[in-house]
PDB file of N, CA and C in Angstrom:
ATOM      1  N   MET A   1    -141.762  94.596-254.647  1.00  0.00           N
ATOM      2  CA  MET A   1    -142.824  95.375-254.036  1.00  0.00           C
ATOM      3  C   MET A   1    -144.079  94.523-253.895  1.00  0.00           C
ATOM      4  N   THR A   2    -144.899  94.895-252.945  1.00  0.00           N
ATOM      5  CA  THR A   2    -146.121  94.140-252.695  1.00  0.00           C
ATOM      6  C   THR A   2    -147.161  95.018-252.017  1.00  0.00           C
ATOM      7  N   TYR A   3    -148.333  94.486-251.901  1.00  0.00           N
ATOM      8  CA  TYR A   3    -149.387  95.128-251.126  1.00  0.00           C
ATOM      9  C   TYR A   3    -149.349  94.569-249.718  1.00  0.00           C
ATOM     10  N   VAL A   4    -149.820  95.375-248.763  1.00  0.00           N
ATOM     11  CA  VAL A   4    -149.757  95.037-247.344  1.00  0.00           C
ATOM     12  C   VAL A   4    -151.106  95.332-246.702  1.00  0.00           C
ATOM     13  N   ILE A   5    -151.510  94.462-245.800  1.00  0.00           N
ATOM     14  CA  ILE A   5    -152.732  94.693-245.025  1.00  0.00           C
ATOM     15  C   ILE A   5    -152.313  95.209-243.654  1.00  0.00           C
ATOM     16  N   ALA A   6    -152.846  96.369-243.273  1.00  0.00           N
ATOM     17  CA  ALA A   6    -152.438  97.039-242.040  1.00  0.00           C
ATOM     18  C   ALA A   6    -153.515  96.925-240.944  1.00  0.00           C
ATOM     19  N   GLU A   7    -153.305  97.655-239.893  1.00  0.00           N
ATOM     20  CA  GLU A   7    -154.102  97.596-238.667  1.00  0.00           C
ATOM     21  C   GLU A   7    -155.620  97.651-238.835  1.00  0.00           C
ATOM     22  N   PRO A   8    -156.169  98.445-239.746  1.00  0.00           N
ATOM     23  CA  PRO A   8    -157.636  98.510-239.829  1.00  0.00           C
ATOM     24  C   PRO A   8    -158.324  97.172-240.100  1.00  0.00           C
ATOM     25  N   CYS A   9    -157.584  96.176-240.573  1.00  0.00           N
ATOM     26  CA  CYS A   9    -158.167  94.857-240.854  1.00  0.00           C
ATOM     27  C   CYS A   9    -158.348  94.019-239.591  1.00  0.00           C
ATOM     28  N   ILE A  10    -157.597  94.325-238.549  1.00  0.00           N
ATOM     29  CA  ILE A  10    -157.657  93.493-237.344  1.00  0.00           C
ATOM     30  C   ILE A  10    -159.085  93.444-236.816  1.00  0.00           C
ATOM     31  N   ASP A  11    -159.576  92.246-236.606  1.00  0.00           N
ATOM     32  CA  ASP A  11    -160.918  91.939-236.100  1.00  0.00           C
ATOM     33  C   ASP A  11    -162.036  92.251-237.092  1.00  0.00           C
ATOM     34  N   ILE A  12    -161.707  92.540-238.343  1.00  0.00           N
ATOM     35  CA  ILE A  12    -162.727  92.805-239.366  1.00  0.00           C
ATOM     36  C   ILE A  12    -162.882  91.591-240.288  1.00  0.00           C
ATOM     37  N   ILE A  13    -161.813  91.180-240.940  1.00  0.00           N
ATOM     38  CA  ILE A  13    -161.790  90.037-241.872  1.00  0.00           C
ATOM     39  C   ILE A  13    -163.024  90.030-242.779  1.00  0.00           C
ATOM     40  N   ASP A  14    -163.162  91.044-243.585  1.00  0.00           N
ATOM     41  CA  ASP A  14    -164.291  91.186-244.505  1.00  0.00           C
ATOM     42  C   ASP A  14    -164.240  90.198-245.669  1.00  0.00           C
ATOM     43  N   ARG A  15    -163.080  89.859-246.168  1.00  0.00           N
ATOM     44  CA  ARG A  15    -162.837  88.898-247.244  1.00  0.00           C
ATOM     45  C   ARG A  15    -163.210  89.393-248.641  1.00  0.00           C
ATOM     46  N   ALA A  16    -163.650  90.626-248.809  1.00  0.00           N
ATOM     47  CA  ALA A  16    -163.908  91.144-250.159  1.00  0.00           C
ATOM     48  C   ALA A  16    -162.616  91.116-250.970  1.00  0.00           C
ATOM     49  N   CYS A  17    -161.498  91.399-250.325  1.00  0.00           N
ATOM     50  CA  CYS A  17    -160.202  91.376-251.009  1.00  0.00           C
ATOM     51  C   CYS A  17    -159.830  89.965-251.439  1.00  0.00           C
ATOM     52  N   VAL A  18    -160.155  88.989-250.615  1.00  0.00           N
ATOM     53  CA  VAL A  18    -159.856  87.591-250.934  1.00  0.00           C
ATOM     54  C   VAL A  18    -160.596  87.180-252.199  1.00  0.00           C
ATOM     55  N   GLU A  19    -161.852  87.566-252.277  1.00  0.00           N
ATOM     56  CA  GLU A  19    -162.681  87.217-253.437  1.00  0.00           C
ATOM     57  C   GLU A  19    -162.184  87.899-254.711  1.00  0.00           C
ATOM     58  N   GLU A  20    -161.596  89.072-254.576  1.00  0.00           N
ATOM     59  CA  GLU A  20    -161.137  89.850-255.730  1.00  0.00           C
ATOM     60  C   GLU A  20    -159.750  89.452-256.218  1.00  0.00           C
ATOM     61  N   CYS A  21    -158.951  88.864-255.357  1.00  0.00           N
ATOM     62  CA  CYS A  21    -157.552  88.538-255.687  1.00  0.00           C
ATOM     63  C   CYS A  21    -157.474  87.451-256.762  1.00  0.00           C
ATOM     64  N   PRO A  22    -156.874  87.763-257.915  1.00  0.00           N
ATOM     65  CA  PRO A  22    -156.810  86.780-259.000  1.00  0.00           C
ATOM     66  C   PRO A  22    -155.776  85.672-258.784  1.00  0.00           C
ATOM     67  N   VAL A  23    -154.862  85.847-257.823  1.00  0.00           N
ATOM     68  CA  VAL A  23    -153.823  84.836-257.611  1.00  0.00           C
ATOM     69  C   VAL A  23    -153.938  84.146-256.250  1.00  0.00           C
ATOM     70  N   ASP A  24    -155.001  84.414-255.504  1.00  0.00           N
ATOM     71  CA  ASP A  24    -155.274  83.709-254.249  1.00  0.00           C
ATOM     72  C   ASP A  24    -154.120  83.850-253.255  1.00  0.00           C
ATOM     73  N   CYS A  25    -153.602  85.090-253.094  1.00  0.00           N
ATOM     74  CA  CYS A  25    -152.433  85.289-252.229  1.00  0.00           C
ATOM     75  C   CYS A  25    -152.775  85.931-250.890  1.00  0.00           C
ATOM     76  N   ILE A  26    -154.063  86.033-250.552  1.00  0.00           N
ATOM     77  CA  ILE A  26    -154.471  86.640-249.282  1.00  0.00           C
ATOM     78  C   ILE A  26    -154.930  85.532-248.347  1.00  0.00           C
ATOM     79  N   TYR A  27    -154.183  85.357-247.266  1.00  0.00           N
ATOM     80  CA  TYR A  27    -154.398  84.261-246.323  1.00  0.00           C
ATOM     81  C   TYR A  27    -155.107  84.771-245.069  1.00  0.00           C
ATOM     82  N   GLU A  28    -155.892  83.907-244.472  1.00  0.00           N
ATOM     83  CA  GLU A  28    -156.683  84.281-243.309  1.00  0.00           C
ATOM     84  C   GLU A  28    -156.062  83.744-242.024  1.00  0.00           C
ATOM     85  N   GLY A  29    -155.757  84.670-241.119  1.00  0.00           N
ATOM     86  CA  GLY A  29    -155.328  84.299-239.777  1.00  0.00           C
ATOM     87  C   GLY A  29    -156.551  84.246-238.879  1.00  0.00           C
ATOM     88  N   GLU A  30    -156.339  84.340-237.585  1.00  0.00           N
ATOM     89  CA  GLU A  30    -157.469  84.323-236.651  1.00  0.00           C
ATOM     90  C   GLU A  30    -158.160  85.672-236.580  1.00  0.00           C
ATOM     91  N   ARG A  31    -157.363  86.758-236.551  1.00  0.00           N
ATOM     92  CA  ARG A  31    -157.934  88.094-236.369  1.00  0.00           C
ATOM     93  C   ARG A  31    -157.698  89.033-237.544  1.00  0.00           C
ATOM     94  N   ALA A  32    -156.928  88.611-238.543  1.00  0.00           N
ATOM     95  CA  ALA A  32    -156.599  89.488-239.666  1.00  0.00           C
ATOM     96  C   ALA A  32    -156.275  88.665-240.903  1.00  0.00           C
ATOM     97  N   LEU A  33    -156.170  89.364-242.016  1.00  0.00           N
ATOM     98  CA  LEU A  33    -155.760  88.771-243.290  1.00  0.00           C
ATOM     99  C   LEU A  33    -154.333  89.210-243.592  1.00  0.00           C
ATOM    100  N   TYR A  34    -153.609  88.407-244.370  1.00  0.00           N
ATOM    101  CA  TYR A  34    -152.208  88.668-244.690  1.00  0.00           C
ATOM    102  C   TYR A  34    -151.967  88.411-246.170  1.00  0.00           C
ATOM    103  N   ILE A  35    -151.241  89.315-246.828  1.00  0.00           N
ATOM    104  CA  ILE A  35    -150.895  89.150-248.240  1.00  0.00           C
ATOM    105  C   ILE A  35    -149.504  88.527-248.337  1.00  0.00           C
ATOM    106  N   HIS A  36    -149.420  87.430-249.068  1.00  0.00           N
ATOM    107  CA  HIS A  36    -148.132  86.750-249.232  1.00  0.00           C
ATOM    108  C   HIS A  36    -147.256  87.591-250.168  1.00  0.00           C
ATOM    109  N   PRO A  37    -146.102  88.081-249.694  1.00  0.00           N
ATOM    110  CA  PRO A  37    -145.276  88.980-250.515  1.00  0.00           C
ATOM    111  C   PRO A  37    -144.676  88.331-251.755  1.00  0.00           C
ATOM    112  N   ASP A  38    -144.485  87.017-251.744  1.00  0.00           N
ATOM    113  CA  ASP A  38    -143.907  86.345-252.909  1.00  0.00           C
ATOM    114  C   ASP A  38    -144.970  85.900-253.908  1.00  0.00           C
ATOM    115  N   GLU A  39    -146.191  85.745-253.467  1.00  0.00           N
ATOM    116  CA  GLU A  39    -147.271  85.304-254.354  1.00  0.00           C
ATOM    117  C   GLU A  39    -148.051  86.480-254.953  1.00  0.00           C
ATOM    118  N   CYS A  40    -148.000  87.636-254.314  1.00  0.00           N
ATOM    119  CA  CYS A  40    -148.702  88.831-254.806  1.00  0.00           C
ATOM    120  C   CYS A  40    -148.066  89.289-256.118  1.00  0.00           C
ATOM    121  N   VAL A  41    -148.905  89.569-257.111  1.00  0.00           N
ATOM    122  CA  VAL A  41    -148.414  90.032-258.417  1.00  0.00           C
ATOM    123  C   VAL A  41    -148.589  91.538-258.590  1.00  0.00           C
ATOM    124  N   ASP A  42    -148.895  92.225-257.513  1.00  0.00           N
ATOM    125  CA  ASP A  42    -149.013  93.687-257.507  1.00  0.00           C
ATOM    126  C   ASP A  42    -150.081  94.221-258.451  1.00  0.00           C
ATOM    127  N   CYS A  43    -151.153  93.485-258.618  1.00  0.00           N
ATOM    128  CA  CYS A  43    -152.207  93.939-259.538  1.00  0.00           C
ATOM    129  C   CYS A  43    -153.064  95.037-258.926  1.00  0.00           C
ATOM    130  N   GLY A  44    -153.158  95.082-257.607  1.00  0.00           N
ATOM    131  CA  GLY A  44    -153.928  96.116-256.938  1.00  0.00           C
ATOM    132  C   GLY A  44    -155.422  95.881-256.882  1.00  0.00           C
ATOM    133  N   ALA A  45    -155.899  94.736-257.318  1.00  0.00           N
ATOM    134  CA  ALA A  45    -157.344  94.462-257.321  1.00  0.00           C
ATOM    135  C   ALA A  45    -157.938  94.462-255.920  1.00  0.00           C
ATOM    136  N   CYS A  46    -157.157  94.109-254.928  1.00  0.00           N
ATOM    137  CA  CYS A  46    -157.643  94.018-253.551  1.00  0.00           C
ATOM    138  C   CYS A  46    -157.876  95.382-252.903  1.00  0.00           C
ATOM    139  N   GLU A  47    -157.059  96.342-253.248  1.00  0.00           N
ATOM    140  CA  GLU A  47    -157.070  97.638-252.566  1.00  0.00           C
ATOM    141  C   GLU A  47    -158.411  98.370-252.630  1.00  0.00           C
ATOM    142  N   PRO A  48    -159.019  98.554-253.790  1.00  0.00           N
ATOM    143  CA  PRO A  48    -160.257  99.348-253.826  1.00  0.00           C
ATOM    144  C   PRO A  48    -161.474  98.661-253.213  1.00  0.00           C
ATOM    145  N   VAL A  49    -161.444  97.354-253.025  1.00  0.00           N
ATOM    146  CA  VAL A  49    -162.619  96.667-252.475  1.00  0.00           C
ATOM    147  C   VAL A  49    -162.575  96.536-250.955  1.00  0.00           C
ATOM    148  N   CYS A  50    -161.482  96.916-250.327  1.00  0.00           N
ATOM    149  CA  CYS A  50    -161.364  96.815-248.872  1.00  0.00           C
ATOM    150  C   CYS A  50    -162.265  97.846-248.204  1.00  0.00           C
ATOM    151  N   PRO A  51    -163.267  97.406-247.438  1.00  0.00           N
ATOM    152  CA  PRO A  51    -164.222  98.347-246.845  1.00  0.00           C
ATOM    153  C   PRO A  51    -163.642  99.205-245.722  1.00  0.00           C
ATOM    154  N   VAL A  52    -162.510  98.796-245.155  1.00  0.00           N
ATOM    155  CA  VAL A  52    -161.909  99.568-244.071  1.00  0.00           C
ATOM    156  C   VAL A  52    -160.607 100.244-244.486  1.00  0.00           C
ATOM    157  N   GLU A  53    -160.294 100.201-245.784  1.00  0.00           N
ATOM    158  CA  GLU A  53    -159.104 100.837-246.340  1.00  0.00           C
ATOM    159  C   GLU A  53    -157.837 100.414-245.591  1.00  0.00           C
ATOM    160  N   ALA A  54    -157.670  99.099-245.454  1.00  0.00           N
ATOM    161  CA  ALA A  54    -156.527  98.551-244.739  1.00  0.00           C
ATOM    162  C   ALA A  54    -155.406  98.104-245.663  1.00  0.00           C
ATOM    163  N   ILE A  55    -155.632  98.108-246.975  1.00  0.00           N
ATOM    164  CA  ILE A  55    -154.650  97.592-247.921  1.00  0.00           C
ATOM    165  C   ILE A  55    -153.923  98.739-248.610  1.00  0.00           C
ATOM    166  N   PHE A  56    -152.595  98.644-248.588  1.00  0.00           N
ATOM    167  CA  PHE A  56    -151.759  99.694-249.161  1.00  0.00           C
ATOM    168  C   PHE A  56    -150.643  99.072-249.984  1.00  0.00           C
ATOM    169  N   TYR A  57    -150.272  99.775-251.057  1.00  0.00           N
ATOM    170  CA  TYR A  57    -149.043  99.416-251.759  1.00  0.00           C
ATOM    171  C   TYR A  57    -147.913  99.710-250.782  1.00  0.00           C
ATOM    172  N   GLU A  58    -146.931  98.868-250.736  1.00  0.00           N
ATOM    173  CA  GLU A  58    -145.873  98.969-249.738  1.00  0.00           C
ATOM    174  C   GLU A  58    -145.269 100.377-249.628  1.00  0.00           C
ATOM    175  N   ASP A  59    -145.037 101.060-250.730  1.00  0.00           N
ATOM    176  CA  ASP A  59    -144.458 102.408-250.692  1.00  0.00           C
ATOM    177  C   ASP A  59    -145.446 103.459-250.191  1.00  0.00           C
ATOM    178  N   ASP A  60    -146.729 103.123-250.131  1.00  0.00           N
ATOM    179  CA  ASP A  60    -147.757 104.072-249.717  1.00  0.00           C
ATOM    180  C   ASP A  60    -148.270 103.846-248.296  1.00  0.00           C
ATOM    181  N   LEU A  61    -147.649 102.925-247.571  1.00  0.00           N
ATOM    182  CA  LEU A  61    -148.076 102.663-246.200  1.00  0.00           C
ATOM    183  C   LEU A  61    -147.927 103.921-245.349  1.00  0.00           C
ATOM    184  N   PRO A  62    -148.970 104.318-244.624  1.00  0.00           N
ATOM    185  CA  PRO A  62    -148.812 105.444-243.694  1.00  0.00           C
ATOM    186  C   PRO A  62    -147.742 105.108-242.649  1.00  0.00           C
ATOM    187  N   ASP A  63    -147.026 106.110-242.201  1.00  0.00           N
ATOM    188  CA  ASP A  63    -145.928 105.892-241.261  1.00  0.00           C
ATOM    189  C   ASP A  63    -146.332 105.062-240.053  1.00  0.00           C
ATOM    190  N   GLU A  64    -147.533 105.281-239.534  1.00  0.00           N
ATOM    191  CA  GLU A  64    -147.937 104.564-238.319  1.00  0.00           C
ATOM    192  C   GLU A  64    -148.162 103.065-238.556  1.00  0.00           C
ATOM    193  N   TRP A  65    -148.223 102.644-239.821  1.00  0.00           N
ATOM    194  CA  TRP A  65    -148.488 101.237-240.124  1.00  0.00           C
ATOM    195  C   TRP A  65    -147.357 100.557-240.884  1.00  0.00           C
ATOM    196  N   VAL A  66    -146.201 101.194-240.987  1.00  0.00           N
ATOM    197  CA  VAL A  66    -145.055 100.602-241.677  1.00  0.00           C
ATOM    198  C   VAL A  66    -144.658  99.277-241.036  1.00  0.00           C
ATOM    199  N   ILE A  67    -144.874  99.130-239.749  1.00  0.00           N
ATOM    200  CA  ILE A  67    -144.536  97.896-239.044  1.00  0.00           C
ATOM    201  C   ILE A  67    -145.265  96.686-239.631  1.00  0.00           C
ATOM    202  N   TYR A  68    -146.395  96.905-240.285  1.00  0.00           N
ATOM    203  CA  TYR A  68    -147.162  95.799-240.868  1.00  0.00           C
ATOM    204  C   TYR A  68    -146.525  95.236-242.138  1.00  0.00           C
ATOM    205  N   LEU A  69    -145.609  95.948-242.747  1.00  0.00           N
ATOM    206  CA  LEU A  69    -144.900  95.438-243.920  1.00  0.00           C
ATOM    207  C   LEU A  69    -144.133  94.164-243.559  1.00  0.00           C
ATOM    208  N   ASN A  70    -143.275  94.254-242.565  1.00  0.00           N
ATOM    209  CA  ASN A  70    -142.524  93.077-242.132  1.00  0.00           C
ATOM    210  C   ASN A  70    -143.415  92.062-241.441  1.00  0.00           C
ATOM    211  N   ASP A  71    -144.455  92.545-240.766  1.00  0.00           N
ATOM    212  CA  ASP A  71    -145.355  91.632-240.063  1.00  0.00           C
ATOM    213  C   ASP A  71    -146.092  90.716-241.040  1.00  0.00           C
ATOM    214  N   ASN A  72    -146.549  91.260-242.176  1.00  0.00           N
ATOM    215  CA  ASN A  72    -147.206  90.431-243.189  1.00  0.00           C
ATOM    216  C   ASN A  72    -146.256  89.337-243.664  1.00  0.00           C
ATOM    217  N   ALA A  73    -145.010  89.668-243.931  1.00  0.00           N
ATOM    218  CA  ALA A  73    -144.035  88.676-244.381  1.00  0.00           C
ATOM    219  C   ALA A  73    -143.750  87.649-243.287  1.00  0.00           C
ATOM    220  N   ARG A  74    -143.676  88.117-242.053  1.00  0.00           N
ATOM    221  CA  ARG A  74    -143.403  87.238-240.916  1.00  0.00           C
ATOM    222  C   ARG A  74    -144.470  86.153-240.771  1.00  0.00           C
ATOM    223  N   PHE A  75    -145.694  86.452-241.145  1.00  0.00           N
ATOM    224  CA  PHE A  75    -146.773  85.462-241.075  1.00  0.00           C
ATOM    225  C   PHE A  75    -146.407  84.198-241.858  1.00  0.00           C
ATOM    226  N   PHE A  76    -145.670  84.358-242.934  1.00  0.00           N
ATOM    227  CA  PHE A  76    -145.321  83.231-243.799  1.00  0.00           C
ATOM    228  C   PHE A  76    -143.955  82.625-243.494  1.00  0.00           C
ATOM    229  N   THR A  77    -143.029  83.423-242.959  1.00  0.00           N
ATOM    230  CA  THR A  77    -141.668  82.927-242.740  1.00  0.00           C
ATOM    231  C   THR A  77    -141.400  82.473-241.318  1.00  0.00           C
ATOM    232  N   ASP A  78    -142.043  83.070-240.332  1.00  0.00           N
ATOM    233  CA  ASP A  78    -141.738  82.777-238.934  1.00  0.00           C
ATOM    234  C   ASP A  78    -142.866  82.052-238.210  1.00  0.00           C
ATOM    235  N   LEU A  79    -144.078  82.284-238.640  1.00  0.00           N
ATOM    236  CA  LEU A  79    -145.233  81.766-237.922  1.00  0.00           C
ATOM    237  C   LEU A  79    -145.310  80.251-238.028  1.00  0.00           C
ATOM    238  N   LEU A  80    -145.519  79.605-236.925  1.00  0.00           N
ATOM    239  CA  LEU A  80    -145.666  78.160-236.918  1.00  0.00           C
ATOM    240  C   LEU A  80    -147.139  77.796-237.044  1.00  0.00           C
ATOM    241  N   THR A  81    -147.433  76.905-237.933  1.00  0.00           N
ATOM    242  CA  THR A  81    -148.803  76.439-238.118  1.00  0.00           C
ATOM    243  C   THR A  81    -148.976  75.119-237.388  1.00  0.00           C
ATOM    244  N   ASP A  82    -150.079  74.474-237.583  1.00  0.00           N
ATOM    245  CA  ASP A  82    -150.319  73.186-236.943  1.00  0.00           C
ATOM    246  C   ASP A  82    -149.337  72.113-237.426  1.00  0.00           C
ATOM    247  N   ARG A  83    -148.588  72.411-238.486  1.00  0.00           N
ATOM    248  CA  ARG A  83    -147.577  71.478-238.989  1.00  0.00           C
ATOM    249  C   ARG A  83    -146.231  71.694-238.313  1.00  0.00           C
ATOM    250  N   SER A  84    -146.180  72.624-237.365  1.00  0.00           N
ATOM    251  CA  SER A  84    -144.969  72.943-236.610  1.00  0.00           C
ATOM    252  C   SER A  84    -143.817  73.400-237.497  1.00  0.00           C
ATOM    253  N   GLU A  85    -144.142  74.064-238.580  1.00  0.00           N
ATOM    254  CA  GLU A  85    -143.115  74.638-239.454  1.00  0.00           C
ATOM    255  C   GLU A  85    -143.705  75.888-240.099  1.00  0.00           C
ATOM    256  N   PRO A  86    -142.851  76.798-240.539  1.00  0.00           N
ATOM    257  CA  PRO A  86    -143.366  78.004-241.198  1.00  0.00           C
ATOM    258  C   PRO A  86    -144.242  77.641-242.399  1.00  0.00           C
ATOM    259  N   LEU A  87    -145.209  78.471-242.673  1.00  0.00           N
ATOM    260  CA  LEU A  87    -146.136  78.234-243.772  1.00  0.00           C
ATOM    261  C   LEU A  87    -145.429  78.257-245.119  1.00  0.00           C
ATOM    262  N   GLY A  88    -144.461  79.157-245.276  1.00  0.00           N
ATOM    263  CA  GLY A  88    -143.740  79.255-246.541  1.00  0.00           C
ATOM    264  C   GLY A  88    -144.625  79.784-247.643  1.00  0.00           C
ATOM    265  N   SER A  89    -144.547  79.180-248.813  1.00  0.00           N
ATOM    266  CA  SER A  89    -145.333  79.595-249.967  1.00  0.00           C
ATOM    267  C   SER A  89    -146.130  78.401-250.487  1.00  0.00           C
ATOM    268  N   PRO A  90    -147.321  78.192-249.938  1.00  0.00           N
ATOM    269  CA  PRO A  90    -148.105  77.024-250.338  1.00  0.00           C
ATOM    270  C   PRO A  90    -148.744  77.131-251.717  1.00  0.00           C
ATOM    271  N   GLY A  91    -148.677  78.302-252.346  1.00  0.00           N
ATOM    272  CA  GLY A  91    -149.208  78.443-253.693  1.00  0.00           C
ATOM    273  C   GLY A  91    -150.691  78.743-253.754  1.00  0.00           C
ATOM    274  N   GLY A  92    -151.198  79.402-252.744  1.00  0.00           N
ATOM    275  CA  GLY A  92    -152.590  79.820-252.757  1.00  0.00           C
ATOM    276  C   GLY A  92    -153.288  79.571-251.438  1.00  0.00           C
ATOM    277  N   ALA A  93    -154.074  80.541-251.027  1.00  0.00           N
ATOM    278  CA  ALA A  93    -154.768  80.464-249.747  1.00  0.00           C
ATOM    279  C   ALA A  93    -155.847  79.398-249.726  1.00  0.00           C
ATOM    280  N   ALA A  94    -156.418  79.074-250.871  1.00  0.00           N
ATOM    281  CA  ALA A  94    -157.469  78.047-250.914  1.00  0.00           C
ATOM    282  C   ALA A  94    -156.938  76.696-250.450  1.00  0.00           C
ATOM    283  N   LYS A  95    -155.640  76.468-250.623  1.00  0.00           N
ATOM    284  CA  LYS A  95    -155.031  75.199-250.200  1.00  0.00           C
ATOM    285  C   LYS A  95    -154.937  75.079-248.688  1.00  0.00           C
ATOM    286  N   THR A  96    -154.860  76.208-248.001  1.00  0.00           N
ATOM    287  CA  THR A  96    -154.666  76.178-246.552  1.00  0.00           C
ATOM    288  C   THR A  96    -155.947  76.423-245.773  1.00  0.00           C
ATOM    289  N   GLY A  97    -156.872  77.198-246.347  1.00  0.00           N
ATOM    290  CA  GLY A  97    -158.058  77.599-245.599  1.00  0.00           C
ATOM    291  C   GLY A  97    -157.672  78.566-244.495  1.00  0.00           C
ATOM    292  N   ALA A  98    -158.614  78.870-243.625  1.00  0.00           N
ATOM    293  CA  ALA A  98    -158.331  79.755-242.492  1.00  0.00           C
ATOM    294  C   ALA A  98    -157.332  79.064-241.574  1.00  0.00           C
ATOM    295  N   LEU A  99    -156.296  79.796-241.177  1.00  0.00           N
ATOM    296  CA  LEU A  99    -155.213  79.197-240.407  1.00  0.00           C
ATOM    297  C   LEU A  99    -155.407  79.287-238.896  1.00  0.00           C
ATOM    298  N   GLY A 100    -156.232  80.221-238.439  1.00  0.00           N
ATOM    299  CA  GLY A 100    -156.531  80.299-237.011  1.00  0.00           C
ATOM    300  C   GLY A 100    -155.402  80.771-236.131  1.00  0.00           C
ATOM    301  N   VAL A 101    -154.371  81.377-236.708  1.00  0.00           N
ATOM    302  CA  VAL A 101    -153.239  81.916-235.951  1.00  0.00           C
ATOM    303  C   VAL A 101    -152.894  83.286-236.524  1.00  0.00           C
ATOM    304  N   ASP A 102    -152.191  84.074-235.728  1.00  0.00           N
ATOM    305  CA  ASP A 102    -151.764  85.399-236.160  1.00  0.00           C
ATOM    306  C   ASP A 102    -150.325  85.638-235.726  1.00  0.00           C
ATOM    307  N   THR A 103    -149.739  86.692-236.267  1.00  0.00           N
ATOM    308  CA  THR A 103    -148.429  87.127-235.807  1.00  0.00           C
ATOM    309  C   THR A 103    -148.588  87.699-234.403  1.00  0.00           C
ATOM    310  N   GLU A 104    -147.489  87.860-233.712  1.00  0.00           N
ATOM    311  CA  GLU A 104    -147.543  88.431-232.366  1.00  0.00           C
ATOM    312  C   GLU A 104    -148.111  89.846-232.390  1.00  0.00           C
ATOM    313  N   LEU A 105    -147.731  90.637-233.385  1.00  0.00           N
ATOM    314  CA  LEU A 105    -148.228  92.010-233.488  1.00  0.00           C
ATOM    315  C   LEU A 105    -149.747  92.038-233.556  1.00  0.00           C
ATOM    316  N   VAL A 106    -150.334  91.229-234.387  1.00  0.00           N
ATOM    317  CA  VAL A 106    -151.788  91.185-234.532  1.00  0.00           C
ATOM    318  C   VAL A 106    -152.433  90.502-233.338  1.00  0.00           C
ATOM    319  N   GLY A 107    -151.855  89.400-232.903  1.00  0.00           N
ATOM    320  CA  GLY A 107    -152.438  88.636-231.793  1.00  0.00           C
ATOM    321  C   GLY A 107    -152.506  89.381-230.486  1.00  0.00           C
ATOM    322  N   THR A 108    -151.551  90.285-230.255  1.00  0.00           N
ATOM    323  CA  THR A 108    -151.542  91.029-229.000  1.00  0.00           C
ATOM    324  C   THR A 108    -152.183  92.406-229.120  1.00  0.00           C
ATOM    325  N   HIS A 109    -152.653  92.730-230.303  1.00  0.00           N
ATOM    326  CA  HIS A 109    -153.313  94.027-230.519  1.00  0.00           C
ATOM    327  C   HIS A 109    -154.622  94.070-229.723  1.00  0.00           C
ATOM    328  N   ALA A 110    -154.901  95.206-229.118  1.00  0.00           N
ATOM    329  CA  ALA A 110    -156.161  95.347-228.374  1.00  0.00           C
ATOM    330  C   ALA A 110    -157.333  95.101-229.297  1.00  0.00           C
ATOM    331  N   PRO A 111    -158.367  94.394-228.833  1.00  0.00           N
ATOM    332  CA  PRO A 111    -159.536  94.134-229.680  1.00  0.00           C
ATOM    333  C   PRO A 111    -160.129  95.422-230.233  1.00  0.00           C
ATOM    334  N   GLN A 112    -160.549  95.348-231.504  1.00  0.00           N
ATOM    335  CA  GLN A 112    -161.172  96.495-232.159  1.00  0.00           C
ATOM    336  C   GLN A 112    -162.655  96.218-232.350  1.00  0.00           C
ATOM    337  N   GLY A 113    -163.401  97.283-232.452  1.00  0.00           N
ATOM    338  CA  GLY A 113    -164.811  97.133-232.784  1.00  0.00           C
ATOM    339  C   GLY A 113    -165.628  97.144-231.595  1.00  0.00           C
TER     340      GLY A 113
END
């Protein structure tokens, strides 16, 4: 089980959750943040600090945002970075910095705000 960042985060990228995460498992794309499912320790520290209430425990995702469960994982397994290979599990977002790319779901989402 893991936490997931859903649609309300698109075009917000507040980073309060990043600062609160004790294991540095929240990575920054171009338009949204993504929680690494293998690095997340399910502590829940990120959820209450999200100003747009975009973070959910996987079992608590509202039906309209269930698609973001697989999308968050896809960011790490399918997404190609500037290294032309999937990001995988680099062991912390501080090592990668902002990645400047998003999944297709997030990248093609109509601009918010």
